[in-house]
Protein backbone atom coordinates (compact mmCIF):
# COMPACT_ATOMS: atom_id res chain seq x y z
CA MET A 1 15.01 -4.46 -12.63
CA ALA A 2 12.33 -3.17 -10.06
CA ARG A 3 12.08 -5.05 -6.83
CA VAL A 4 8.86 -6.97 -6.34
CA ARG A 5 7.33 -6.17 -3.03
CA LEU A 6 5.17 -8.75 -1.41
CA MET A 7 3.01 -5.97 0.39
CA ASP A 8 2.61 -3.87 -2.66
CA ALA A 9 -1.10 -3.69 -3.19
CA ASN A 10 -0.73 -3.08 -6.94
CA GLU A 11 -1.46 -6.26 -9.10
CA GLN A 12 1.56 -8.47 -9.76
CA MET A 13 1.94 -11.62 -11.95
CA GLU A 14 1.38 -14.04 -9.03
CA ASP A 15 -2.06 -12.46 -8.45
CA LYS A 16 -3.14 -13.75 -11.96
CA GLY A 17 -3.33 -17.41 -10.90
CA GLN A 18 -5.27 -20.20 -12.66
CA VAL A 19 -7.86 -20.35 -9.82
CA SER A 20 -9.81 -17.06 -9.76
CA LEU A 21 -10.38 -15.87 -6.25
CA ARG A 22 -12.68 -12.96 -7.39
CA PRO A 23 -16.33 -13.15 -6.27
CA ASN A 24 -18.65 -13.31 -9.27
CA THR A 25 -21.83 -11.63 -7.76
CA LEU A 26 -22.55 -8.66 -5.44
CA GLU A 27 -23.83 -11.07 -2.85
CA GLU A 28 -20.50 -12.87 -2.76
CA TYR A 29 -18.57 -9.71 -2.59
CA VAL A 30 -17.32 -9.18 1.07
CA GLY A 31 -16.99 -5.72 2.54
CA GLN A 32 -17.77 -2.23 1.36
CA ALA A 33 -21.24 -2.59 2.68
CA ALA A 34 -22.49 0.97 2.09
CA ILE A 35 -21.26 0.83 -1.54
CA LYS A 36 -22.92 -2.65 -2.13
CA LYS A 37 -26.20 -1.37 -0.99
CA ARG A 38 -26.10 1.78 -3.18
CA LEU A 39 -24.82 -0.02 -6.04
CA ASN A 40 -27.41 -2.81 -5.74
CA ILE A 41 -30.21 -0.12 -5.79
CA ALA A 42 -28.77 1.49 -8.92
CA LEU A 43 -28.39 -1.98 -10.70
CA GLN A 44 -31.82 -3.09 -9.81
CA ALA A 45 -33.41 0.27 -10.87
CA ALA A 46 -31.51 0.09 -14.20
CA LYS A 47 -32.65 -3.40 -14.87
CA ALA A 48 -36.33 -2.66 -14.19
CA ARG A 49 -36.09 0.25 -16.68
CA ALA A 50 -34.33 -1.83 -19.12
CA GLU A 51 -31.60 0.78 -19.34
CA SER A 52 -27.85 0.82 -18.93
CA ILE A 53 -26.51 1.79 -15.60
CA ASP A 54 -25.11 5.33 -15.01
CA HIS A 55 -21.35 5.81 -15.61
CA VAL A 56 -19.55 4.61 -12.47
CA LEU A 57 -16.32 5.86 -10.85
CA LEU A 58 -14.55 3.67 -8.41
CA TYR A 59 -11.62 5.27 -6.39
CA GLY A 60 -9.50 4.29 -3.62
CA PRO A 61 -6.26 2.57 -2.83
CA PRO A 62 -5.02 -0.31 -5.03
CA GLY A 63 -6.05 -3.90 -4.30
CA LEU A 64 -9.55 -3.15 -2.65
CA GLY A 65 -11.74 -4.57 -5.38
CA LYS A 66 -12.41 -1.86 -8.12
CA THR A 67 -11.67 -4.21 -10.88
CA THR A 68 -13.80 -6.96 -9.19
CA LEU A 69 -16.68 -4.57 -8.84
CA ALA A 70 -16.52 -3.69 -12.52
CA HIS A 71 -16.91 -7.34 -13.50
CA ILE A 72 -19.65 -7.83 -11.07
CA ILE A 73 -21.56 -4.94 -12.59
CA SER A 74 -21.31 -6.48 -15.97
CA ARG A 75 -22.47 -9.78 -14.75
CA GLU A 76 -25.48 -8.34 -12.74
CA MET A 77 -26.52 -6.45 -15.81
CA SER A 78 -25.91 -9.47 -18.04
CA VAL A 79 -23.69 -7.53 -20.53
CA ASN A 80 -20.22 -7.86 -21.89
CA LEU A 81 -17.30 -5.97 -20.28
CA VAL A 82 -14.59 -4.57 -22.37
CA ALA A 83 -11.47 -3.71 -20.26
CA THR A 84 -8.59 -1.35 -21.03
CA SER A 85 -6.47 1.08 -19.03
CA GLY A 86 -5.57 4.70 -19.37
CA PRO A 87 -1.99 4.44 -20.52
CA ALA A 88 -2.99 1.82 -23.27
CA ILE A 89 -5.22 4.61 -24.91
CA GLU A 90 -2.82 6.91 -26.64
CA ARG A 91 -4.87 8.38 -29.34
CA SER A 92 -8.56 9.26 -29.92
CA GLY A 93 -8.58 6.61 -32.65
CA ASP A 94 -7.77 3.87 -30.21
CA LEU A 95 -10.79 5.03 -28.08
CA MET A 96 -12.96 5.30 -31.11
CA GLY A 97 -12.28 1.63 -32.05
CA LEU A 98 -13.34 0.50 -28.57
CA LEU A 99 -16.59 2.55 -28.49
CA THR A 100 -17.81 1.70 -31.94
CA ASN A 101 -17.42 -2.03 -31.38
CA LEU A 102 -19.54 -1.86 -28.04
CA GLN A 103 -22.95 -3.60 -27.99
CA PRO A 104 -25.97 -1.95 -26.39
CA GLY A 105 -25.59 -1.87 -22.61
CA ASP A 106 -21.97 -2.99 -22.73
CA ILE A 107 -19.58 -1.93 -20.04
CA LEU A 108 -16.37 -0.14 -21.06
CA PHE A 109 -13.96 -0.45 -18.06
CA ILE A 110 -10.93 1.96 -18.01
CA ASP A 111 -8.50 1.22 -15.20
CA GLU A 112 -6.24 4.07 -14.15
CA ILE A 113 -8.60 6.43 -15.84
CA HIS A 114 -6.56 9.36 -14.42
CA ARG A 115 -3.87 8.64 -16.88
CA LEU A 116 -5.85 9.22 -19.96
CA PRO A 117 -4.30 11.77 -22.20
CA ARG A 118 -6.26 15.09 -22.13
CA PRO A 119 -7.19 15.00 -25.83
CA VAL A 120 -8.66 11.54 -25.36
CA GLU A 121 -10.50 12.55 -22.35
CA GLU A 122 -12.16 15.29 -24.12
CA PHE A 123 -12.93 12.96 -27.00
CA LEU A 124 -14.83 10.91 -24.33
CA TYR A 125 -17.15 13.60 -23.21
CA SER A 126 -19.78 13.52 -25.96
CA ALA A 127 -19.69 9.76 -26.06
CA MET A 128 -20.56 9.71 -22.27
CA GLU A 129 -23.23 12.31 -22.50
CA ASP A 130 -24.82 11.91 -25.97
CA PHE A 131 -23.51 8.49 -26.99
CA GLN A 132 -21.95 10.01 -30.20
CA ILE A 133 -18.37 10.71 -31.10
CA ASP A 134 -17.30 14.08 -32.71
CA PHE A 135 -14.58 13.16 -35.00
CA VAL A 136 -12.55 15.93 -36.74
CA ILE A 137 -11.56 15.34 -40.30
CA ASP A 138 -8.60 17.32 -41.93
CA LYS A 139 -7.23 20.53 -40.36
CA GLY A 140 -7.31 24.29 -40.79
CA ALA A 141 -9.81 25.78 -43.11
CA PHE A 142 -10.72 22.15 -44.39
CA ALA A 143 -11.48 20.75 -40.98
CA LYS A 144 -14.89 19.50 -40.41
CA THR A 145 -16.65 17.50 -37.67
CA VAL A 146 -18.32 14.22 -38.41
CA LYS A 147 -20.75 13.01 -35.73
CA ILE A 148 -20.60 9.02 -35.34
CA LYS A 149 -23.30 7.41 -33.18
CA VAL A 150 -22.26 4.75 -30.55
CA LYS A 151 -24.64 2.33 -28.99
CA PRO A 152 -25.70 3.24 -25.28
CA PHE A 153 -22.97 1.95 -22.87
CA SER A 154 -21.81 2.43 -19.28
CA LEU A 155 -18.33 3.65 -18.65
CA VAL A 156 -16.72 2.30 -15.33
CA GLY A 157 -13.66 4.06 -14.40
CA ALA A 158 -11.15 3.09 -11.72
CA THR A 159 -8.46 5.17 -10.16
CA THR A 160 -6.18 5.30 -7.15
CA ARG A 161 -5.70 9.09 -7.80
CA ALA A 162 -9.11 10.70 -7.83
CA GLY A 163 -7.58 14.07 -7.38
CA LEU A 164 -5.94 13.83 -10.88
CA ILE A 165 -9.24 13.34 -12.78
CA SER A 166 -10.38 16.70 -14.20
CA ALA A 167 -13.61 18.32 -12.95
CA PRO A 168 -15.32 17.93 -16.31
CA MET A 169 -14.70 14.18 -16.42
CA ARG A 170 -15.75 13.73 -12.70
CA GLU A 171 -19.02 15.60 -13.54
CA ARG A 172 -20.03 13.05 -16.22
CA PHE A 173 -20.17 10.16 -13.69
CA GLY A 174 -23.43 9.57 -12.22
CA LEU A 175 -22.32 7.23 -9.49
CA MET A 176 -19.02 7.74 -7.54
CA TYR A 177 -18.02 5.21 -4.86
CA HIS A 178 -14.93 5.43 -2.66
CA LEU A 179 -13.49 2.02 -1.58
CA ASP A 180 -11.78 2.05 1.88
CA PHE A 181 -9.63 -0.42 3.58
CA TYR A 182 -11.11 -3.55 5.08
CA SER A 183 -11.58 -4.47 8.61
CA VAL A 184 -9.85 -7.70 10.06
CA ASP A 185 -13.21 -9.49 10.36
CA GLU A 186 -13.97 -8.90 6.62
CA LEU A 187 -10.42 -10.03 5.49
CA GLN A 188 -10.88 -13.08 7.68
CA THR A 189 -14.01 -13.86 5.66
CA ILE A 190 -12.01 -13.36 2.34
CA VAL A 191 -9.14 -15.59 3.53
CA GLU A 192 -11.44 -18.44 4.50
CA ARG A 193 -13.30 -18.20 1.17
CA SER A 194 -10.05 -18.15 -0.80
CA ALA A 195 -8.58 -21.13 1.22
CA ASN A 196 -11.63 -23.10 0.42
CA LEU A 197 -11.31 -22.20 -3.35
CA LEU A 198 -7.60 -23.25 -3.14
CA GLU A 199 -8.48 -26.46 -1.25
CA VAL A 200 -6.32 -25.57 1.68
CA ASP A 201 -7.17 -26.99 5.07
CA PHE A 202 -6.85 -24.21 7.88
CA VAL A 203 -8.16 -23.29 11.34
CA PRO A 204 -9.97 -20.03 11.82
CA GLU A 205 -7.12 -18.64 13.90
CA ALA A 206 -4.82 -18.99 10.99
CA ALA A 207 -7.09 -17.20 8.74
CA ARG A 208 -7.42 -14.32 11.29
CA GLU A 209 -3.45 -14.17 11.59
CA ILE A 210 -3.24 -13.67 7.85
CA ALA A 211 -6.00 -11.15 7.79
CA SER A 212 -4.50 -9.11 10.72
CA ARG A 213 -1.26 -8.65 8.61
CA SER A 214 -2.91 -7.82 5.29
CA ARG A 215 -2.97 -4.13 5.61
CA GLY A 216 -6.73 -3.98 5.13
CA THR A 217 -6.27 -5.07 1.50
CA PRO A 218 -7.93 -8.27 -0.03
CA ARG A 219 -5.34 -8.62 -2.71
CA ILE A 220 -2.55 -8.81 -0.14
CA ALA A 221 -4.50 -11.22 1.98
CA ASN A 222 -4.90 -13.64 -0.83
CA ARG A 223 -1.22 -13.20 -1.63
CA LEU A 224 -0.14 -13.96 1.86
CA LEU A 225 -2.48 -16.95 1.96
CA LYS A 226 -0.52 -18.47 -1.08
CA ARG A 227 2.73 -17.94 0.67
CA VAL A 228 1.51 -19.56 3.89
CA ARG A 229 0.17 -22.38 1.85
CA ASP A 230 3.61 -22.81 0.19
CA TYR A 231 5.24 -22.85 3.45
CA ALA A 232 2.96 -25.53 4.97
CA GLN A 233 3.45 -27.68 2.00
CA VAL A 234 7.16 -27.70 2.07
CA PHE A 235 7.27 -28.47 5.81
CA GLY A 236 4.67 -31.18 5.45
CA GLU A 237 1.98 -29.47 7.43
CA ALA A 238 -1.52 -30.90 6.54
CA VAL A 239 -3.38 -28.13 8.34
CA ILE A 240 -2.54 -24.49 8.47
CA THR A 241 -2.51 -23.42 12.12
CA ARG A 242 -1.93 -19.88 13.59
CA GLU A 243 1.64 -20.93 14.41
CA ILE A 244 2.34 -22.03 10.98
CA ALA A 245 0.98 -18.79 9.54
CA ASP A 246 2.99 -16.77 11.93
CA GLN A 247 6.21 -18.63 11.03
CA ALA A 248 5.59 -18.29 7.37
CA LEU A 249 4.74 -14.44 7.41
CA SER A 250 7.64 -13.72 9.88
CA LEU A 251 9.92 -15.44 7.48
CA GLU A 252 8.78 -13.07 4.71
CA GLY A 253 9.62 -10.17 7.03
CA ILE A 254 6.07 -9.13 7.81
CA ASP A 255 5.48 -8.03 11.39
CA LEU A 256 2.23 -8.36 13.50
CA SER A 257 0.80 -4.96 12.09
CA GLY A 258 1.38 -6.00 8.40
CA LEU A 259 4.54 -3.74 8.13
CA ASP A 260 7.46 -5.17 6.04
CA GLU A 261 11.04 -3.88 5.71
CA LEU A 262 10.34 -0.95 3.41
CA ASP A 263 7.73 0.45 5.91
CA LEU A 264 10.02 -0.04 8.86
CA ARG A 265 12.93 1.64 6.86
CA VAL A 266 10.73 4.74 6.15
CA LEU A 267 9.57 5.00 9.69
CA ARG A 268 13.26 4.38 11.16
CA THR A 269 14.74 6.78 8.70
CA ILE A 270 12.39 9.62 9.86
CA MET A 271 13.01 8.71 13.30
CA GLN A 272 16.73 8.32 13.37
CA VAL A 273 18.04 10.49 10.48
CA TYR A 274 15.45 13.35 10.57
CA ARG A 275 14.77 13.23 14.43
CA GLY A 276 11.14 12.28 13.88
CA GLY A 277 10.50 14.87 11.23
CA PRO A 278 9.07 16.85 9.44
CA VAL A 279 11.07 15.83 6.34
CA GLY A 280 10.01 16.48 2.69
CA ILE A 281 9.02 13.52 0.54
CA GLU A 282 11.84 14.11 -1.97
CA ALA A 283 14.48 14.24 0.73
CA LEU A 284 13.08 11.03 2.27
CA ALA A 285 13.03 9.31 -1.20
CA ALA A 286 16.72 10.26 -1.67
CA THR A 287 17.71 9.05 1.52
CA LEU A 288 16.01 5.66 1.06
CA ASN A 289 16.98 5.39 -2.63
CA GLU A 290 13.37 4.81 -3.52
CA GLU A 291 11.07 6.45 -5.98
CA VAL A 292 8.83 9.19 -4.63
CA ASP A 293 5.74 7.61 -6.38
CA THR A 294 6.53 4.49 -4.44
CA LEU A 295 6.41 6.05 -1.16
CA VAL A 296 3.33 8.15 -1.98
CA ASP A 297 1.22 5.61 -3.59
CA VAL A 298 2.47 2.27 -2.11
CA VAL A 299 3.97 2.96 1.42
CA GLU A 300 2.11 6.02 2.84
CA PRO A 301 -1.60 5.06 2.54
CA TYR A 302 -1.37 2.41 5.13
CA LEU A 303 1.09 4.21 7.46
CA LEU A 304 -1.33 7.25 7.30
CA LYS A 305 -4.34 4.99 8.00
CA GLU A 306 -2.68 3.30 11.00
CA GLY A 307 -1.64 6.70 12.56
CA LEU A 308 2.07 5.79 12.24
CA LEU A 309 2.77 8.76 10.00
CA ILE A 310 1.40 12.15 9.46
CA ARG A 311 1.63 14.77 6.64
CA THR A 312 2.17 18.39 7.56
CA PRO A 313 2.78 21.50 5.43
CA SER A 314 6.51 21.15 6.10
CA GLY A 315 6.89 17.34 5.51
CA ARG A 316 6.27 13.84 7.02
CA LYS A 317 6.46 13.20 10.74
CA VAL A 318 6.17 10.02 12.81
CA THR A 319 3.81 9.78 15.80
CA ASP A 320 3.92 8.32 19.34
CA LEU A 321 2.37 5.22 17.86
CA THR A 322 5.44 4.74 15.70
CA ARG A 323 7.82 5.22 18.65
CA LYS A 324 5.84 2.63 20.60
CA HIS A 325 5.73 0.18 17.51
CA LEU A 326 9.49 0.46 17.06
CA GLY A 327 10.15 0.14 20.67
CA LEU A 328 11.61 3.63 20.77
CA VAL A 329 9.35 5.30 23.45
CA GLU A 330 12.57 6.87 25.10
CA ALA A 331 12.79 8.97 21.84
CA SER A 332 10.44 11.52 23.33
CA THR A 333 13.41 12.27 25.91
CA GLY A 334 15.87 12.95 23.20
CA ASN A 335 18.10 10.09 24.45
CA LEU A 336 17.91 8.26 21.19
CA PHE A 337 19.68 11.00 19.39
CA ASP A 338 22.24 11.96 22.06
């Protein structure tokens, strides 16, 4: 059974609580200011023309609000949203069923769109461009194409691996937005809003402590808030203070920079086993007994952003910031490995 990691930005079961912490409007959405401004212009223009908004591609690391933005787009346009994911659409017939049931202006949201099978992706091209499906009946000499009209719709695709989307697919999106990590100030605002929705009493310093350890990711910030809330409740604390937040997060093994045990294992392994690097990702994964995809998709993005890890043509290397963070500044003299 796969280990559930608290600092994994991918959605987990505990993120699907009864109290929805997602913002409902673009105005409530915190962060991504440039995207909000550009998206708002596109939404207002589409509504003024009484048209569907152009197809939208949202890409960036997990947990930054791509799904939330898709729901906001549907609410702002006052249309329904039909959600699915790339792995769930195995055949063209699955996609045809979704498309033919859409009403005019509806949003079709495909998460992990980079994982669509190629035949399904090609089936989607004509639907996106001409709002019709070219369905092939029979095979060989008896094959014929039947064109089936679909109602005008907007496709919103979300992906963490934009490089895996084919060029023909990318070219069919009129709007493409890259979501980046959040600042501590933005995350503090999100934590305070979520705490109010959860009816949790806190001081601003506690919200900032949680925000500073959330790896620039709202999903992680909300998850950590719930863990701190549980800790405070068990120990009979009526108000969450910075000290309570620090104790709860330290107990979970999360340091002041938001690194957990797996992050530190990666950095220490490169430092101690591979003398600071470079080391190939396959060799590193084998040493750690972890999946390559886990390291590439879950661990590396934040370490790269924080300057604790760099990629080179010959492999991964740690930086002076890593040595400082781990308290191993003497490594530059070579004493650590003598």
